Amino acid sequence: MPPVGLRPGAVSPRAELGRVALEAAVGAEGVAAGNAGPAGQYVTDYGGVRLAGVVVAAQGVGRFSVDLFLTAELVPLGELGERLPAVVGDAVATAGLGDRLGSVSVSFLDVEHPLGWPS
């Protein structure tokens, strides 16, 4: 798949980086969804779009840190947390934004029970 760069309508590399990172993480096996947190504080907003579960912040020299806040499926969280930064890095590179990616952190705020029970 060729690099896509900035999607039409994206307002900044920061916003597009957040979109690509969140989509990659949520698309990974073992991740149920992005999670905005109990007060909705873990979001990136741009152009009327709200990305729940990702905070992208300037890290310096044109790079941005990506902090992911996720709801996981019932899987070993340690392994999943170790795997996700590489998944995000690959997706960001494919999107043509690899030179903008700084650090990637992963936090699991909730676990989705397969029977729908509250965690």
C-alpha atoms as a PDB file:
ATOM      1  CA  MET A   1       0.000   0.000   0.000  1.00  0.00           C
ATOM      2  CA  PRO A   2       1.499   3.396  -0.946  1.00  0.00           C
ATOM      3  CA  PRO A   3       1.972   6.111   1.679  1.00  0.00           C
ATOM      4  CA  VAL A   4      -1.130   8.239   2.053  1.00  0.00           C
ATOM      5  CA  GLY A   5       0.327  11.275   3.834  1.00  0.00           C
ATOM      6  CA  LEU A   6      -2.220  13.783   5.062  1.00  0.00           C
ATOM      7  CA  ARG A   7      -5.811  12.805   4.415  1.00  0.00           C
ATOM      8  CA  PRO A   8      -7.835  15.485   2.581  1.00  0.00           C
ATOM      9  CA  GLY A   9      -9.399  17.717   5.217  1.00  0.00           C
ATOM     10  CA  ALA A  10      -6.788  16.953   7.898  1.00  0.00           C
ATOM     11  CA  VAL A  11      -5.818  20.177   9.619  1.00  0.00           C
ATOM     12  CA  SER A  12      -2.339  19.209  10.801  1.00  0.00           C
ATOM     13  CA  PRO A  13       0.250  16.444  10.893  1.00  0.00           C
ATOM     14  CA  ARG A  14      -0.483  16.164  14.645  1.00  0.00           C
ATOM     15  CA  ALA A  15      -4.149  15.403  14.040  1.00  0.00           C
ATOM     16  CA  GLU A  16      -3.436  12.966  11.220  1.00  0.00           C
ATOM     17  CA  LEU A  17      -0.808  11.228  13.364  1.00  0.00           C
ATOM     18  CA  GLY A  18      -3.427  10.784  16.081  1.00  0.00           C
ATOM     19  CA  ARG A  19      -5.960   9.374  13.637  1.00  0.00           C
ATOM     20  CA  VAL A  20      -3.511   6.893  12.116  1.00  0.00           C
ATOM     21  CA  ALA A  21      -2.163   5.792  15.518  1.00  0.00           C
ATOM     22  CA  LEU A  22      -5.611   5.281  17.031  1.00  0.00           C
ATOM     23  CA  GLU A  23      -6.921   3.394  13.992  1.00  0.00           C
ATOM     24  CA  ALA A  24      -3.868   1.111  14.053  1.00  0.00           C
ATOM     25  CA  ALA A  25      -4.192   0.422  17.773  1.00  0.00           C
ATOM     26  CA  VAL A  26      -7.940  -0.230  17.673  1.00  0.00           C
ATOM     27  CA  GLY A  27      -7.450  -2.470  14.647  1.00  0.00           C
ATOM     28  CA  ALA A  28      -4.949  -4.644  16.512  1.00  0.00           C
ATOM     29  CA  GLU A  29      -6.057  -7.981  17.894  1.00  0.00           C
ATOM     30  CA  GLY A  30      -6.851  -7.635  21.598  1.00  0.00           C
ATOM     31  CA  VAL A  31      -7.927  -3.980  21.520  1.00  0.00           C
ATOM     32  CA  ALA A  32     -11.647  -3.259  21.856  1.00  0.00           C
ATOM     33  CA  ALA A  33     -11.694   0.556  21.547  1.00  0.00           C
ATOM     34  CA  GLY A  34     -10.096   3.866  22.349  1.00  0.00           C
ATOM     35  CA  ASN A  35     -11.069   5.163  25.798  1.00  0.00           C
ATOM     36  CA  ALA A  36     -11.450   8.879  26.519  1.00  0.00           C
ATOM     37  CA  GLY A  37     -11.168   8.288  30.273  1.00  0.00           C
ATOM     38  CA  PRO A  38     -13.668   8.892  33.074  1.00  0.00           C
ATOM     39  CA  ALA A  39     -13.800  12.644  32.491  1.00  0.00           C
ATOM     40  CA  GLY A  40     -13.241  12.538  28.728  1.00  0.00           C
ATOM     41  CA  GLN A  41      -9.750  13.950  29.124  1.00  0.00           C
ATOM     42  CA  TYR A  42      -7.869  11.603  26.777  1.00  0.00           C
ATOM     43  CA  VAL A  43      -8.850  12.982  23.390  1.00  0.00           C
ATOM     44  CA  THR A  44      -7.437  14.801  20.408  1.00  0.00           C
ATOM     45  CA  ASP A  45      -9.850  17.282  18.838  1.00  0.00           C
ATOM     46  CA  TYR A  46      -9.481  18.845  15.418  1.00  0.00           C
ATOM     47  CA  GLY A  47     -11.837  20.321  12.870  1.00  0.00           C
ATOM     48  CA  GLY A  48     -14.951  19.037  14.631  1.00  0.00           C
ATOM     49  CA  VAL A  49     -13.542  15.513  14.930  1.00  0.00           C
ATOM     50  CA  ARG A  50     -12.925  13.958  18.351  1.00  0.00           C
ATOM     51  CA  LEU A  51     -10.442  11.089  18.590  1.00  0.00           C
ATOM     52  CA  ALA A  52     -11.271   9.348  21.874  1.00  0.00           C
ATOM     53  CA  GLY A  53      -8.332   7.531  23.417  1.00  0.00           C
ATOM     54  CA  VAL A  54      -5.340   9.324  21.926  1.00  0.00           C
ATOM     55  CA  VAL A  55      -3.415  12.386  23.059  1.00  0.00           C
ATOM     56  CA  VAL A  56      -0.834  13.755  20.627  1.00  0.00           C
ATOM     57  CA  ALA A  57       1.546  16.418  21.926  1.00  0.00           C
ATOM     58  CA  ALA A  58       4.534  18.269  20.506  1.00  0.00           C
ATOM     59  CA  GLN A  59       7.743  16.565  21.557  1.00  0.00           C
ATOM     60  CA  GLY A  60      10.115  18.956  19.798  1.00  0.00           C
ATOM     61  CA  VAL A  61      11.978  19.108  16.484  1.00  0.00           C
ATOM     62  CA  GLY A  62       8.802  18.407  14.494  1.00  0.00           C
ATOM     63  CA  ARG A  63       7.991  15.195  16.354  1.00  0.00           C
ATOM     64  CA  PHE A  64       4.942  14.339  18.413  1.00  0.00           C
ATOM     65  CA  SER A  65       4.425  11.936  21.296  1.00  0.00           C
ATOM     66  CA  VAL A  66       1.425   9.630  21.017  1.00  0.00           C
ATOM     67  CA  ASP A  67      -0.265   8.481  24.222  1.00  0.00           C
ATOM     68  CA  LEU A  68      -2.922   5.809  23.698  1.00  0.00           C
ATOM     69  CA  PHE A  69      -5.658   5.116  26.252  1.00  0.00           C
ATOM     70  CA  LEU A  70      -7.487   1.930  25.398  1.00  0.00           C
ATOM     71  CA  THR A  71     -10.098  -0.605  26.373  1.00  0.00           C
ATOM     72  CA  ALA A  72      -8.664  -4.077  25.851  1.00  0.00           C
ATOM     73  CA  GLU A  73     -10.296  -7.400  25.252  1.00  0.00           C
ATOM     74  CA  LEU A  74      -9.653 -10.166  27.784  1.00  0.00           C
ATOM     75  CA  VAL A  75      -6.057 -10.901  26.698  1.00  0.00           C
ATOM     76  CA  PRO A  76      -2.612 -10.758  28.371  1.00  0.00           C
ATOM     77  CA  LEU A  77      -2.173  -6.998  28.703  1.00  0.00           C
ATOM     78  CA  GLY A  78       1.605  -7.012  29.108  1.00  0.00           C
ATOM     79  CA  GLU A  79       2.135  -8.687  25.745  1.00  0.00           C
ATOM     80  CA  LEU A  80      -0.412  -6.439  24.066  1.00  0.00           C
ATOM     81  CA  GLY A  81       1.142  -3.303  25.529  1.00  0.00           C
ATOM     82  CA  GLU A  82       4.586  -4.344  24.321  1.00  0.00           C
ATOM     83  CA  ARG A  83       3.323  -5.082  20.800  1.00  0.00           C
ATOM     84  CA  LEU A  84       1.260  -1.951  20.152  1.00  0.00           C
ATOM     85  CA  PRO A  85       4.038   0.662  19.773  1.00  0.00           C
ATOM     86  CA  ALA A  86       5.462  -1.322  16.839  1.00  0.00           C
ATOM     87  CA  VAL A  87       1.979  -1.692  15.304  1.00  0.00           C
ATOM     88  CA  VAL A  88       1.489   2.069  15.567  1.00  0.00           C
ATOM     89  CA  GLY A  89       4.981   2.788  14.234  1.00  0.00           C
ATOM     90  CA  ASP A  90       4.396   0.611  11.174  1.00  0.00           C
ATOM     91  CA  ALA A  91       1.049   2.269  10.416  1.00  0.00           C
ATOM     92  CA  VAL A  92       2.469   5.761  10.846  1.00  0.00           C
ATOM     93  CA  ALA A  93       5.400   4.945   8.545  1.00  0.00           C
ATOM     94  CA  THR A  94       3.023   3.519   5.926  1.00  0.00           C
ATOM     95  CA  ALA A  95       1.000   6.749   6.113  1.00  0.00           C
ATOM     96  CA  GLY A  96       4.147   8.731   5.334  1.00  0.00           C
ATOM     97  CA  LEU A  97       4.351  10.311   8.794  1.00  0.00           C
ATOM     98  CA  GLY A  98       7.177   8.248  10.294  1.00  0.00           C
ATOM     99  CA  ASP A  99       9.451  11.283  10.580  1.00  0.00           C
ATOM    100  CA  ARG A 100       6.840  12.943  12.842  1.00  0.00           C
ATOM    101  CA  LEU A 101       6.482  10.104  15.373  1.00  0.00           C
ATOM    102  CA  GLY A 102       8.202  10.498  18.726  1.00  0.00           C
ATOM    103  CA  SER A 103       7.490   8.320  21.746  1.00  0.00           C
ATOM    104  CA  VAL A 104       4.464   6.017  21.933  1.00  0.00           C
ATOM    105  CA  SER A 105       2.914   5.043  25.261  1.00  0.00           C
ATOM    106  CA  VAL A 106       0.032   2.661  25.895  1.00  0.00           C
ATOM    107  CA  SER A 107      -2.343   2.633  28.878  1.00  0.00           C
ATOM    108  CA  PHE A 108      -5.248   0.258  29.386  1.00  0.00           C
ATOM    109  CA  LEU A 109      -8.114   1.967  31.201  1.00  0.00           C
ATOM    110  CA  ASP A 110     -10.588  -0.900  31.011  1.00  0.00           C
ATOM    111  CA  VAL A 111     -10.993  -4.525  29.962  1.00  0.00           C
ATOM    112  CA  GLU A 112     -14.037  -5.646  28.032  1.00  0.00           C
ATOM    113  CA  HIS A 113     -15.463  -8.889  29.407  1.00  0.00           C
ATOM    114  CA  PRO A 114     -16.476 -11.350  26.668  1.00  0.00           C
ATOM    115  CA  LEU A 115     -19.903 -11.842  28.289  1.00  0.00           C
ATOM    116  CA  GLY A 116     -20.501  -8.119  28.701  1.00  0.00           C
ATOM    117  CA  TRP A 117     -20.050  -8.119  32.474  1.00  0.00           C
ATOM    118  CA  PRO A 118     -18.774  -4.854  33.963  1.00  0.00           C
ATOM    119  CA  SER A 119     -15.084  -4.857  34.817  1.00  0.00           C
END
